[in-house]
Amino acid sequence: MIRRTAALAVLVTTGVVCAQAATATPKLQHRHELSALFTLDRGWRPVSDFDLQQYNLHFHKILASCKIGPEYLTNSVIALAYKAGDQGQRTVTNLMMMKAITRRITWTGKASCAKTFNVAEGYMEAGGP
């Protein structure tokens, strides 16, 4: 009887551990894209998820509101930040660009964001948020 109880306890414990592992989701989605934006801004790779918190917040706000994929968003933010910095003769980081885009998202649901991206780039080029 004791062996059956011990065997049952082991099976239940194993089942709970496996169920937790199966339902666990990664803490940070699109880590590769966020790390690329962070590294271009800072010049060093992020050490932990804490380093990517601000990038994660704005990146996913844009993804949730715009009809755009994560790779295209990453490339667009890099290009817009570079263009705003080059034309405005100032430093514009990828995070600054994402904040400028996020600031201009006033709708719910998904919409085309090309005009919003261009307006945000124009403001960043002129030196404003």
Protein backbone atom coordinates (compact mmCIF):
# COMPACT_ATOMS: atom_id res chain seq x y z
CA MET A 1 0.00 0.00 0.00
CA ILE A 2 2.81 2.39 0.86
CA ARG A 3 4.52 1.68 -2.47
CA ARG A 4 1.32 2.45 -4.37
CA THR A 5 0.88 5.71 -2.49
CA ALA A 6 4.50 6.70 -3.13
CA ALA A 7 4.20 5.79 -6.82
CA LEU A 8 0.98 7.78 -7.09
CA ALA A 9 2.61 10.78 -5.39
CA VAL A 10 5.52 10.64 -7.85
CA LEU A 11 3.14 10.46 -10.82
CA VAL A 12 1.04 13.38 -9.57
CA THR A 13 4.14 15.49 -8.90
CA THR A 14 5.56 14.69 -12.33
CA GLY A 15 2.24 15.54 -13.96
CA VAL A 16 2.07 18.90 -12.20
CA VAL A 17 5.63 19.79 -13.20
CA CYS A 18 5.00 18.80 -16.82
CA ALA A 19 1.74 20.75 -16.94
CA GLN A 20 3.48 23.88 -15.62
CA ALA A 21 6.27 23.51 -18.16
CA ALA A 22 3.79 23.05 -21.00
CA THR A 23 1.76 26.13 -20.09
CA ALA A 24 4.73 28.37 -19.37
CA THR A 25 5.07 31.13 -21.95
CA PRO A 26 8.16 33.16 -22.63
CA LYS A 27 8.26 36.36 -20.62
CA LEU A 28 9.32 38.45 -23.57
CA GLN A 29 8.01 38.04 -27.09
CA HIS A 30 10.10 39.20 -30.05
CA ARG A 31 13.29 39.22 -27.97
CA HIS A 32 15.47 39.16 -31.09
CA GLU A 33 13.90 42.29 -32.55
CA LEU A 34 13.92 44.13 -29.21
CA SER A 35 17.56 43.19 -28.63
CA ALA A 36 18.49 44.53 -32.06
CA LEU A 37 16.85 47.90 -31.35
CA PHE A 38 18.44 48.07 -27.90
CA THR A 39 21.92 47.15 -29.19
CA LEU A 40 21.80 49.78 -31.93
CA ASP A 41 20.80 52.42 -29.37
CA ARG A 42 23.17 51.53 -26.56
CA GLY A 43 26.10 49.84 -28.26
CA TRP A 44 25.93 46.77 -26.02
CA ARG A 45 23.68 43.75 -25.77
CA PRO A 46 20.91 43.67 -23.15
CA VAL A 47 21.84 41.72 -20.05
CA SER A 48 18.32 40.84 -18.92
CA ASP A 49 14.65 41.42 -19.66
CA PHE A 50 14.82 44.47 -17.40
CA ASP A 51 16.97 46.24 -20.01
CA LEU A 52 14.27 45.68 -22.65
CA GLN A 53 11.20 46.76 -20.65
CA GLN A 54 10.73 50.18 -22.29
CA TYR A 55 11.39 48.76 -25.75
CA ASN A 56 8.92 45.93 -25.09
CA LEU A 57 6.18 48.33 -23.95
CA HIS A 58 6.30 50.60 -26.99
CA PHE A 59 7.07 47.84 -29.53
CA HIS A 60 4.03 45.80 -28.53
CA LYS A 61 1.75 48.86 -28.31
CA ILE A 62 2.63 49.59 -31.95
CA LEU A 63 2.21 45.93 -32.96
CA ALA A 64 -1.22 45.81 -31.31
CA SER A 65 -2.41 48.98 -33.03
CA CYS A 66 -0.85 48.76 -36.49
CA LYS A 67 -1.12 46.37 -39.40
CA ILE A 68 2.59 45.52 -39.38
CA GLY A 69 4.74 42.52 -38.53
CA PRO A 70 7.54 42.50 -35.97
CA GLU A 71 10.39 42.29 -38.48
CA TYR A 72 9.02 45.07 -40.66
CA LEU A 73 8.37 47.21 -37.58
CA THR A 74 11.95 46.74 -36.44
CA ASN A 75 13.35 47.71 -39.83
CA SER A 76 10.97 50.67 -40.13
CA VAL A 77 11.87 52.05 -36.70
CA ILE A 78 15.59 51.75 -37.46
CA ALA A 79 15.17 53.51 -40.82
CA LEU A 80 12.94 56.27 -39.42
CA ALA A 81 15.25 56.95 -36.47
CA TYR A 82 18.25 57.13 -38.79
CA LYS A 83 16.42 59.42 -41.22
CA ALA A 84 15.15 61.74 -38.45
CA GLY A 85 18.62 61.94 -36.93
CA ASP A 86 20.34 62.52 -40.25
CA GLN A 87 17.92 65.14 -41.55
CA GLY A 88 17.51 66.87 -38.18
CA GLN A 89 21.24 66.81 -37.37
CA ARG A 90 20.59 65.31 -33.93
CA THR A 91 20.64 61.96 -32.17
CA VAL A 92 17.39 60.04 -32.50
CA THR A 93 17.39 56.60 -30.91
CA ASN A 94 15.11 53.75 -31.85
CA LEU A 95 13.39 54.06 -28.46
CA MET A 96 12.76 57.77 -29.04
CA MET A 97 11.24 56.93 -32.42
CA MET A 98 8.98 54.23 -30.97
CA LYS A 99 7.84 56.63 -28.23
CA ALA A 100 7.02 59.26 -30.87
CA ILE A 101 4.95 56.71 -32.81
CA THR A 102 3.21 55.42 -29.68
CA ARG A 103 2.33 58.97 -28.63
CA ARG A 104 0.39 59.40 -31.88
CA ILE A 105 -1.62 56.17 -31.64
CA THR A 106 -5.05 57.31 -30.49
CA TRP A 107 -7.28 54.52 -31.79
CA THR A 108 -8.18 51.01 -30.69
CA GLY A 109 -7.86 47.99 -32.93
CA LYS A 110 -5.56 47.62 -35.91
CA ALA A 111 -5.14 50.27 -38.58
CA SER A 112 -2.64 51.27 -41.24
CA CYS A 113 0.10 53.33 -39.59
CA ALA A 114 2.12 54.65 -42.52
CA LYS A 115 0.89 58.21 -42.03
CA THR A 116 1.48 57.99 -38.27
CA PHE A 117 5.03 56.78 -38.85
CA ASN A 118 5.72 59.66 -41.24
CA VAL A 119 4.25 62.27 -38.90
CA ALA A 120 6.28 60.92 -35.96
CA GLU A 121 9.46 60.97 -38.06
CA GLY A 122 8.79 64.57 -39.09
CA TYR A 123 8.37 65.69 -35.49
CA MET A 124 11.53 63.86 -34.40
CA GLU A 125 13.44 65.40 -37.32
CA ALA A 126 12.33 68.86 -36.19
CA GLY A 127 13.47 68.17 -32.64
CA GLY A 128 10.15 67.55 -30.96
CA PRO A 129 8.63 64.50 -29.36
